Amino acid sequence: MPEPWGLERLCVDGRVSIYRGPHVFASYDEDDLGMRNLAIVGLTNARFSCTEVAACFDLTPQYISMLRGRARDRGSGGLVRPRGRRRSLSPHQLARAAEWSRQGMSDVAIGKRLGVHTGTIGRRLAAMENDRPASEPIVEDPLFDDLAARRGLPRPGGSRRIGGWRSGRPMSVQ
């Protein structure tokens, strides 16, 4: 009498195939952890024992059982956990922070509300401001120009200086 077929795993050119005899049950890329875990849960749902599936994937039966529980509780999204450091601010949180900032709330207060460092709020809001085009052109402001010139600050807008506080003539732009 022939031996019963067991589950086998074959990896060829970065592609993993799980089969039993002539029947292929799953095929996925070697580095695709989500598909691997989905195949594991699918095989156990197809009445293969946890120990047989664990032996095929070189895992422990306890890990297989844990994957089944995650799939039962959270669906397929629970089979792969997000890797790396979590994002400091989601796009929704960043939009809320920008709105609070426009309303006059300080970066410290925004940071406390969102549970992140004040510097993170300042950097992300500054990056948003740099990405957004100017809503209105920079207008000449003689008072600002005089104050900026006294403090040695650059002139906004890149306009040329003709005259000014050093020459005693009024400033104008060409």
N, C-alpha and C. Protein backbone atom coordinates (compact mmCIF):
# COMPACT_ATOMS: atom_id res chain seq x y z
N MET A 1 0.84 -1.17 0.00
CA MET A 1 0.00 0.00 0.00
C MET A 1 0.89 1.24 0.00
N PRO A 2 0.58 2.24 -0.85
CA PRO A 2 1.42 3.43 -0.92
C PRO A 2 1.29 4.26 0.36
N GLU A 3 2.38 5.01 0.64
CA GLU A 3 2.36 5.88 1.82
C GLU A 3 1.40 7.04 1.58
N PRO A 4 0.71 7.50 2.60
CA PRO A 4 -0.15 8.67 2.42
C PRO A 4 0.71 9.91 2.16
N TRP A 5 0.19 10.77 1.32
CA TRP A 5 0.93 12.00 1.00
C TRP A 5 0.87 12.96 2.19
N GLY A 6 1.99 13.61 2.44
CA GLY A 6 2.03 14.65 3.47
C GLY A 6 2.14 16.02 2.82
N LEU A 7 1.96 17.04 3.60
CA LEU A 7 2.13 18.40 3.09
C LEU A 7 3.61 18.64 2.80
N GLU A 8 3.89 19.26 1.68
CA GLU A 8 5.28 19.57 1.33
C GLU A 8 5.37 21.01 0.87
N ARG A 9 6.53 21.58 1.14
CA ARG A 9 6.79 22.97 0.74
C ARG A 9 7.97 22.95 -0.21
N LEU A 10 7.81 23.63 -1.35
CA LEU A 10 8.87 23.68 -2.35
C LEU A 10 9.12 25.15 -2.71
N CYS A 11 10.37 25.56 -2.65
CA CYS A 11 10.74 26.93 -2.98
C CYS A 11 11.62 26.91 -4.22
N VAL A 12 11.16 27.55 -5.29
CA VAL A 12 11.90 27.61 -6.55
C VAL A 12 11.87 29.05 -7.05
N ASP A 13 13.05 29.63 -7.27
CA ASP A 13 13.20 30.99 -7.82
C ASP A 13 12.38 32.03 -7.04
N GLY A 14 12.43 31.96 -5.72
CA GLY A 14 11.74 32.95 -4.90
C GLY A 14 10.25 32.73 -4.78
N ARG A 15 9.74 31.63 -5.30
CA ARG A 15 8.31 31.32 -5.24
C ARG A 15 8.13 30.06 -4.40
N VAL A 16 7.25 30.12 -3.41
CA VAL A 16 6.99 28.98 -2.53
C VAL A 16 5.66 28.34 -2.94
N SER A 17 5.67 27.03 -3.04
CA SER A 17 4.44 26.29 -3.34
C SER A 17 4.22 25.25 -2.24
N ILE A 18 2.99 25.16 -1.79
CA ILE A 18 2.60 24.17 -0.78
C ILE A 18 1.70 23.16 -1.48
N TYR A 19 2.07 21.91 -1.42
CA TYR A 19 1.28 20.89 -2.10
C TYR A 19 1.22 19.61 -1.29
N ARG A 20 0.28 18.78 -1.69
CA ARG A 20 0.12 17.44 -1.12
C ARG A 20 -0.13 16.53 -2.31
N GLY A 21 0.83 15.71 -2.59
CA GLY A 21 0.75 14.86 -3.78
C GLY A 21 0.72 15.74 -5.02
N PRO A 22 -0.21 15.55 -5.93
CA PRO A 22 -0.26 16.37 -7.14
C PRO A 22 -1.05 17.67 -6.97
N HIS A 23 -1.61 17.91 -5.80
CA HIS A 23 -2.48 19.07 -5.58
C HIS A 23 -1.71 20.23 -4.93
N VAL A 24 -1.76 21.39 -5.57
CA VAL A 24 -1.12 22.59 -5.02
C VAL A 24 -2.18 23.35 -4.22
N PHE A 25 -1.87 23.65 -2.96
CA PHE A 25 -2.80 24.35 -2.09
C PHE A 25 -2.53 25.85 -2.01
N ALA A 26 -1.27 26.24 -2.15
CA ALA A 26 -0.93 27.66 -2.06
C ALA A 26 0.37 27.91 -2.81
N SER A 27 0.48 29.11 -3.35
CA SER A 27 1.71 29.53 -4.02
C SER A 27 1.86 31.03 -3.79
N TYR A 28 3.02 31.44 -3.31
CA TYR A 28 3.22 32.85 -2.97
C TYR A 28 4.71 33.18 -3.06
N ASP A 29 5.02 34.48 -3.10
CA ASP A 29 6.41 34.93 -3.11
C ASP A 29 7.06 34.59 -1.77
N GLU A 30 8.33 34.28 -1.83
CA GLU A 30 9.06 33.84 -0.64
C GLU A 30 9.06 34.88 0.48
N ASP A 31 9.10 36.17 0.12
CA ASP A 31 9.18 37.22 1.15
C ASP A 31 7.81 37.80 1.52
N ASP A 32 6.73 37.18 1.07
CA ASP A 32 5.38 37.67 1.36
C ASP A 32 4.84 36.99 2.62
N LEU A 33 5.07 37.63 3.76
CA LEU A 33 4.68 37.07 5.05
C LEU A 33 3.17 36.95 5.20
N GLY A 34 2.44 37.92 4.68
CA GLY A 34 0.99 37.89 4.78
C GLY A 34 0.39 36.70 4.05
N MET A 35 0.87 36.42 2.85
CA MET A 35 0.35 35.28 2.09
C MET A 35 0.75 33.97 2.75
N ARG A 36 1.95 33.92 3.32
CA ARG A 36 2.37 32.71 4.04
C ARG A 36 1.41 32.43 5.19
N ASN A 37 1.13 33.47 5.98
CA ASN A 37 0.23 33.30 7.12
C ASN A 37 -1.19 32.96 6.67
N LEU A 38 -1.63 33.55 5.57
CA LEU A 38 -2.95 33.24 5.03
C LEU A 38 -3.02 31.79 4.56
N ALA A 39 -1.93 31.31 3.95
CA ALA A 39 -1.88 29.91 3.52
C ALA A 39 -1.93 28.97 4.74
N ILE A 40 -1.24 29.35 5.80
CA ILE A 40 -1.24 28.53 7.02
C ILE A 40 -2.65 28.41 7.58
N VAL A 41 -3.34 29.54 7.69
CA VAL A 41 -4.70 29.53 8.23
C VAL A 41 -5.63 28.77 7.28
N GLY A 42 -5.45 28.95 5.99
CA GLY A 42 -6.27 28.23 5.01
C GLY A 42 -6.10 26.73 5.10
N LEU A 43 -4.86 26.28 5.30
CA LEU A 43 -4.61 24.84 5.41
C LEU A 43 -5.24 24.26 6.67
N THR A 44 -5.16 25.01 7.77
CA THR A 44 -5.78 24.50 9.00
C THR A 44 -7.30 24.52 8.89
N ASN A 45 -7.85 25.49 8.15
CA ASN A 45 -9.30 25.51 7.92
C ASN A 45 -9.73 24.36 7.01
N ALA A 46 -8.80 23.86 6.19
CA ALA A 46 -9.08 22.73 5.30
C ALA A 46 -8.87 21.40 6.03
N ARG A 47 -8.82 21.43 7.34
CA ARG A 47 -8.75 20.25 8.19
C ARG A 47 -7.38 19.57 8.24
N PHE A 48 -6.32 20.31 7.90
CA PHE A 48 -4.98 19.79 8.15
C PHE A 48 -4.66 20.12 9.60
N SER A 49 -3.98 19.22 10.29
CA SER A 49 -3.71 19.43 11.71
C SER A 49 -2.64 20.52 11.89
N CYS A 50 -2.68 21.18 13.04
CA CYS A 50 -1.69 22.23 13.34
C CYS A 50 -0.27 21.66 13.33
N THR A 51 -0.10 20.44 13.82
CA THR A 51 1.25 19.86 13.84
C THR A 51 1.75 19.55 12.44
N GLU A 52 0.85 19.12 11.54
CA GLU A 52 1.25 18.84 10.17
C GLU A 52 1.63 20.13 9.44
N VAL A 53 0.83 21.17 9.64
CA VAL A 53 1.11 22.46 9.01
C VAL A 53 2.38 23.06 9.60
N ALA A 54 2.54 22.96 10.91
CA ALA A 54 3.74 23.50 11.56
C ALA A 54 4.99 22.80 11.06
N ALA A 55 4.94 21.49 10.87
CA ALA A 55 6.10 20.75 10.36
C ALA A 55 6.44 21.18 8.94
N CYS A 56 5.42 21.44 8.13
CA CYS A 56 5.64 21.85 6.74
C CYS A 56 6.32 23.22 6.68
N PHE A 57 5.96 24.13 7.56
CA PHE A 57 6.47 25.51 7.53
C PHE A 57 7.63 25.72 8.50
N ASP A 58 8.08 24.69 9.17
CA ASP A 58 9.15 24.80 10.18
C ASP A 58 8.79 25.79 11.28
N LEU A 59 7.58 25.70 11.76
CA LEU A 59 7.09 26.55 12.84
C LEU A 59 6.59 25.66 13.97
N THR A 60 6.22 26.27 15.08
CA THR A 60 5.67 25.48 16.20
C THR A 60 4.14 25.43 16.07
N PRO A 61 3.52 24.37 16.57
CA PRO A 61 2.05 24.30 16.56
C PRO A 61 1.41 25.45 17.35
N GLN A 62 2.11 25.94 18.39
CA GLN A 62 1.57 27.06 19.16
C GLN A 62 1.49 28.32 18.30
N TYR A 63 2.49 28.54 17.46
CA TYR A 63 2.46 29.71 16.57
C TYR A 63 1.33 29.58 15.55
N ILE A 64 1.13 28.39 15.03
CA ILE A 64 0.03 28.15 14.09
C ILE A 64 -1.31 28.45 14.76
N SER A 65 -1.45 28.00 15.99
CA SER A 65 -2.68 28.25 16.74
C SER A 65 -2.89 29.74 16.99
N MET A 66 -1.80 30.45 17.29
CA MET A 66 -1.89 31.89 17.50
C MET A 66 -2.34 32.60 16.22
N LEU A 67 -1.80 32.18 15.05
CA LEU A 67 -2.22 32.77 13.78
C LEU A 67 -3.70 32.52 13.51
N ARG A 68 -4.17 31.33 13.82
CA ARG A 68 -5.59 31.01 13.64
C ARG A 68 -6.46 31.92 14.52
N GLY A 69 -6.02 32.15 15.74
CA GLY A 69 -6.77 33.04 16.64
C GLY A 69 -6.81 34.46 16.13
N ARG A 70 -5.68 34.94 15.63
CA ARG A 70 -5.64 36.30 15.07
C ARG A 70 -6.58 36.42 13.87
N ALA A 71 -6.56 35.41 13.00
CA ALA A 71 -7.44 35.44 11.82
C ALA A 71 -8.91 35.41 12.25
N ARG A 72 -9.21 34.64 13.28
CA ARG A 72 -10.59 34.55 13.77
C ARG A 72 -11.03 35.89 14.38
N ASP A 73 -10.14 36.52 15.16
CA ASP A 73 -10.50 37.75 15.86
C ASP A 73 -10.46 39.00 14.98
N ARG A 74 -9.44 39.10 14.12
CA ARG A 74 -9.22 40.35 13.37
C ARG A 74 -9.29 40.19 11.85
N GLY A 75 -9.56 38.99 11.38
CA GLY A 75 -9.61 38.78 9.94
C GLY A 75 -8.21 38.69 9.34
N SER A 76 -8.14 38.80 8.02
CA SER A 76 -6.85 38.65 7.36
C SER A 76 -5.88 39.77 7.72
N GLY A 77 -6.41 40.95 8.10
CA GLY A 77 -5.54 42.05 8.51
C GLY A 77 -4.76 41.76 9.77
N GLY A 78 -5.23 40.84 10.59
CA GLY A 78 -4.54 40.50 11.82
C GLY A 78 -3.39 39.53 11.63
N LEU A 79 -3.23 39.03 10.40
CA LEU A 79 -2.17 38.04 10.16
C LEU A 79 -0.80 38.67 9.98
N VAL A 80 -0.74 39.96 9.68
CA VAL A 80 0.54 40.64 9.52
C VAL A 80 0.52 41.88 10.38
N ARG A 81 1.43 41.96 11.31
CA ARG A 81 1.52 43.14 12.16
C ARG A 81 2.35 44.20 11.46
N PRO A 82 2.03 45.46 11.65
CA PRO A 82 2.86 46.52 11.06
C PRO A 82 4.26 46.47 11.65
N ARG A 83 5.26 46.61 10.81
CA ARG A 83 6.64 46.54 11.26
C ARG A 83 7.21 47.94 11.41
N GLY A 84 8.23 48.04 12.24
CA GLY A 84 8.94 49.30 12.40
C GLY A 84 8.25 50.24 13.37
N ARG A 85 8.78 51.44 13.41
CA ARG A 85 8.27 52.46 14.31
C ARG A 85 6.94 52.98 13.79
N ARG A 86 5.98 53.20 14.67
CA ARG A 86 4.70 53.72 14.21
C ARG A 86 4.86 55.17 13.76
N ARG A 87 4.00 55.57 12.85
CA ARG A 87 4.04 56.94 12.36
C ARG A 87 3.77 57.89 13.51
N SER A 88 4.50 59.00 13.53
CA SER A 88 4.32 59.94 14.62
C SER A 88 2.98 60.66 14.52
N LEU A 89 2.57 61.01 13.31
CA LEU A 89 1.28 61.67 13.11
C LEU A 89 0.63 61.10 11.84
N SER A 90 -0.61 60.71 11.96
CA SER A 90 -1.34 60.26 10.78
C SER A 90 -1.74 61.50 9.97
N PRO A 91 -2.10 61.33 8.70
CA PRO A 91 -2.56 62.48 7.92
C PRO A 91 -3.74 63.20 8.57
N HIS A 92 -4.65 62.43 9.20
CA HIS A 92 -5.79 63.05 9.86
C HIS A 92 -5.34 63.89 11.06
N GLN A 93 -4.40 63.36 11.86
CA GLN A 93 -3.89 64.11 13.01
C GLN A 93 -3.15 65.37 12.55
N LEU A 94 -2.41 65.26 11.46
CA LEU A 94 -1.69 66.42 10.94
C LEU A 94 -2.64 67.51 10.48
N ALA A 95 -3.74 67.12 9.85
CA ALA A 95 -4.74 68.10 9.43
C ALA A 95 -5.38 68.78 10.65
N ARG A 96 -5.66 67.99 11.69
CA ARG A 96 -6.21 68.58 12.91
C ARG A 96 -5.21 69.54 13.55
N ALA A 97 -3.93 69.15 13.56
CA ALA A 97 -2.90 70.01 14.14
C ALA A 97 -2.80 71.33 13.38
N ALA A 98 -2.89 71.26 12.05
CA ALA A 98 -2.83 72.48 11.24
C ALA A 98 -4.03 73.38 11.55
N GLU A 99 -5.20 72.78 11.70
CA GLU A 99 -6.39 73.57 12.01
C GLU A 99 -6.25 74.23 13.38
N TRP A 100 -5.78 73.49 14.38
CA TRP A 100 -5.59 74.06 15.71
C TRP A 100 -4.55 75.18 15.68
N SER A 101 -3.51 74.99 14.88
CA SER A 101 -2.48 76.02 14.77
C SER A 101 -3.05 77.30 14.16
N ARG A 102 -3.89 77.14 13.13
CA ARG A 102 -4.53 78.32 12.51
C ARG A 102 -5.45 79.02 13.50
N GLN A 103 -6.01 78.27 14.45
CA GLN A 103 -6.89 78.87 15.46
C GLN A 103 -6.10 79.53 16.58
N GLY A 104 -4.76 79.41 16.54
CA GLY A 104 -3.93 80.09 17.51
C GLY A 104 -3.40 79.23 18.63
N MET A 105 -3.64 77.92 18.59
CA MET A 105 -3.16 77.04 19.65
C MET A 105 -1.64 76.87 19.50
N SER A 106 -0.93 76.83 20.61
CA SER A 106 0.53 76.70 20.57
C SER A 106 0.94 75.27 20.21
N ASP A 107 2.17 75.13 19.72
CA ASP A 107 2.70 73.81 19.38
C ASP A 107 2.77 72.91 20.61
N VAL A 108 3.04 73.49 21.77
CA VAL A 108 3.11 72.71 23.01
C VAL A 108 1.75 72.10 23.32
N ALA A 109 0.69 72.90 23.22
CA ALA A 109 -0.66 72.41 23.51
C ALA A 109 -1.08 71.36 22.48
N ILE A 110 -0.75 71.58 21.20
CA ILE A 110 -1.09 70.61 20.15
C ILE A 110 -0.35 69.31 20.40
N GLY A 111 0.93 69.40 20.75
CA GLY A 111 1.72 68.20 21.03
C GLY A 111 1.16 67.40 22.18
N LYS A 112 0.72 68.09 23.24
CA LYS A 112 0.13 67.39 24.39
C LYS A 112 -1.17 66.70 24.00
N ARG A 113 -1.99 67.37 23.18
CA ARG A 113 -3.26 66.77 22.75
C ARG A 113 -3.04 65.50 21.93
N LEU A 114 -2.02 65.54 21.06
CA LEU A 114 -1.80 64.41 20.15
C LEU A 114 -0.80 63.39 20.69
N GLY A 115 -0.16 63.70 21.82
CA GLY A 115 0.77 62.76 22.43
C GLY A 115 2.10 62.65 21.72
N VAL A 116 2.55 63.74 21.09
CA VAL A 116 3.85 63.74 20.42
C VAL A 116 4.65 64.94 20.92
N HIS A 117 5.94 64.95 20.61
CA HIS A 117 6.82 66.02 21.05
C HIS A 117 6.50 67.32 20.31
N THR A 118 6.74 68.43 20.99
CA THR A 118 6.49 69.75 20.41
C THR A 118 7.28 69.95 19.12
N GLY A 119 8.52 69.47 19.10
CA GLY A 119 9.35 69.62 17.90
C GLY A 119 8.76 68.91 16.70
N THR A 120 8.11 67.77 16.94
CA THR A 120 7.46 67.05 15.85
C THR A 120 6.35 67.89 15.24
N ILE A 121 5.57 68.53 16.08
CA ILE A 121 4.49 69.39 15.59
C ILE A 121 5.07 70.53 14.77
N GLY A 122 6.09 71.19 15.31
CA GLY A 122 6.69 72.32 14.60
C GLY A 122 7.27 71.92 13.25
N ARG A 123 8.00 70.80 13.21
CA ARG A 123 8.59 70.35 11.94
C ARG A 123 7.54 70.00 10.91
N ARG A 124 6.53 69.26 11.33
CA ARG A 124 5.51 68.81 10.37
C ARG A 124 4.67 69.98 9.87
N LEU A 125 4.34 70.94 10.75
CA LEU A 125 3.57 72.10 10.30
C LEU A 125 4.41 72.99 9.39
N ALA A 126 5.70 73.12 9.70
CA ALA A 126 6.58 73.92 8.84
C ALA A 126 6.71 73.27 7.47
N ALA A 127 6.78 71.94 7.43
CA ALA A 127 6.87 71.24 6.15
C ALA A 127 5.59 71.44 5.35
N MET A 128 4.45 71.47 6.03
CA MET A 128 3.18 71.72 5.33
C MET A 128 3.16 73.12 4.75
N GLU A 129 3.66 74.09 5.49
CA GLU A 129 3.69 75.47 5.01
C GLU A 129 4.61 75.61 3.80
N ASN A 130 5.74 74.90 3.80
CA ASN A 130 6.67 74.97 2.68
C ASN A 130 6.11 74.30 1.43
N ASP A 131 5.27 73.29 1.60
CA ASP A 131 4.69 72.59 0.46
C ASP A 131 3.55 73.37 -0.17
N ARG A 132 2.91 74.24 0.61
CA ARG A 132 1.75 74.97 0.11
C ARG A 132 2.22 76.22 -0.62
N PRO A 133 1.68 76.50 -1.83
CA PRO A 133 2.06 77.72 -2.54
C PRO A 133 1.55 78.95 -1.81
N ALA A 134 2.25 80.05 -2.00
CA ALA A 134 1.85 81.31 -1.35
C ALA A 134 0.48 81.71 -1.86
N SER A 135 -0.41 82.08 -0.96
CA SER A 135 -1.77 82.41 -1.36
C SER A 135 -1.85 83.82 -1.94
N GLU A 136 -0.96 84.68 -1.53
CA GLU A 136 -0.97 86.04 -2.08
C GLU A 136 0.47 86.52 -2.21
N PRO A 137 0.73 87.38 -3.17
CA PRO A 137 2.09 87.83 -3.37
C PRO A 137 2.57 88.69 -2.20
N ILE A 138 3.87 88.72 -2.01
CA ILE A 138 4.44 89.53 -0.95
C ILE A 138 4.38 90.99 -1.39
N VAL A 139 3.87 91.82 -0.53
CA VAL A 139 3.73 93.24 -0.85
C VAL A 139 4.84 94.01 -0.16
N GLU A 140 5.21 95.10 -0.74
CA GLU A 140 6.22 95.94 -0.13
C GLU A 140 5.67 96.57 1.13
N ASP A 141 6.42 96.50 2.18
CA ASP A 141 6.04 97.10 3.44
C ASP A 141 7.22 97.92 3.93
N PRO A 142 7.18 99.24 3.75
CA PRO A 142 8.33 100.07 4.11
C PRO A 142 8.72 99.93 5.58
N LEU A 143 7.75 99.78 6.47
CA LEU A 143 8.05 99.65 7.88
C LEU A 143 8.85 98.37 8.14
N PHE A 144 8.41 97.24 7.53
CA PHE A 144 9.13 95.99 7.69
C PHE A 144 10.52 96.09 7.07
N ASP A 145 10.61 96.69 5.87
CA ASP A 145 11.90 96.81 5.20
C ASP A 145 12.89 97.59 6.06
N ASP A 146 12.41 98.67 6.67
CA ASP A 146 13.30 99.48 7.50
C ASP A 146 13.74 98.69 8.73
N LEU A 147 12.82 98.01 9.36
CA LEU A 147 13.13 97.21 10.54
C LEU A 147 14.07 96.05 10.18
N ALA A 148 13.79 95.39 9.07
CA ALA A 148 14.63 94.26 8.64
C ALA A 148 16.04 94.74 8.30
N ALA A 149 16.13 95.89 7.67
CA ALA A 149 17.44 96.42 7.30
C ALA A 149 18.26 96.74 8.55
N ARG A 150 17.63 97.27 9.57
CA ARG A 150 18.34 97.59 10.80
C ARG A 150 18.83 96.34 11.52
N ARG A 151 18.07 95.26 11.41
CA ARG A 151 18.45 94.01 12.08
C ARG A 151 19.28 93.10 11.18
N GLY A 152 19.48 93.48 9.94
CA GLY A 152 20.29 92.69 9.03
C GLY A 152 19.57 91.47 8.48
N LEU A 153 18.24 91.50 8.45
CA LEU A 153 17.46 90.38 7.93
C LEU A 153 17.34 90.49 6.41
N PRO A 154 17.24 89.38 5.70
CA PRO A 154 17.07 89.43 4.25
C PRO A 154 15.68 89.95 3.91
N ARG A 155 15.57 90.55 2.74
CA ARG A 155 14.28 91.06 2.29
C ARG A 155 13.44 89.93 1.73
N PRO A 156 12.17 89.84 2.08
CA PRO A 156 11.32 88.79 1.53
C PRO A 156 10.99 89.07 0.08
N GLY A 157 10.74 88.01 -0.68
CA GLY A 157 10.28 88.17 -2.05
C GLY A 157 11.39 88.28 -3.06
N GLY A 158 12.61 88.48 -2.66
CA GLY A 158 13.72 88.54 -3.59
C GLY A 158 13.75 89.79 -4.45
N SER A 159 13.05 90.85 -4.07
CA SER A 159 13.07 92.06 -4.89
C SER A 159 14.37 92.83 -4.65
N ARG A 160 14.75 93.61 -5.67
CA ARG A 160 16.01 94.36 -5.56
C ARG A 160 15.80 95.61 -4.72
N ARG A 161 16.84 95.97 -4.00
CA ARG A 161 16.79 97.17 -3.18
C ARG A 161 17.40 98.33 -3.98
N ILE A 162 16.62 99.37 -4.06
CA ILE A 162 17.13 100.59 -4.69
C ILE A 162 16.95 101.69 -3.66
N GLY A 163 18.02 102.28 -3.28
CA GLY A 163 17.95 103.27 -2.23
C GLY A 163 17.87 102.58 -0.88
N GLY A 164 17.09 103.12 0.03
CA GLY A 164 16.90 102.49 1.30
C GLY A 164 17.47 103.29 2.43
N TRP A 165 17.58 102.70 3.58
CA TRP A 165 17.96 103.44 4.77
C TRP A 165 19.41 103.87 4.74
N ARG A 166 20.28 103.16 4.02
CA ARG A 166 21.68 103.59 3.98
C ARG A 166 21.88 104.81 3.10
N SER A 167 21.15 104.86 1.99
CA SER A 167 21.35 105.98 1.07
C SER A 167 20.48 107.17 1.42
N GLY A 168 19.48 106.96 2.25
CA GLY A 168 18.61 108.05 2.63
C GLY A 168 17.48 108.25 1.65
N ARG A 169 17.46 107.51 0.53
CA ARG A 169 16.38 107.66 -0.44
C ARG A 169 15.26 106.67 -0.12
N PRO A 170 14.04 106.93 -0.53
CA PRO A 170 12.97 105.98 -0.29
C PRO A 170 13.19 104.70 -1.11
N MET A 171 12.66 103.60 -0.61
CA MET A 171 12.85 102.31 -1.27
C MET A 171 11.76 102.09 -2.31
N SER A 172 12.12 101.45 -3.43
CA SER A 172 11.15 101.09 -4.46
C SER A 172 11.61 99.81 -5.13
N VAL A 173 10.73 99.21 -5.87
CA VAL A 173 11.04 97.95 -6.54
C VAL A 173 10.87 98.17 -8.04
N GLN A 174 11.81 97.65 -8.81
CA GLN A 174 11.69 97.74 -10.27
C GLN A 174 11.30 96.43 -10.84
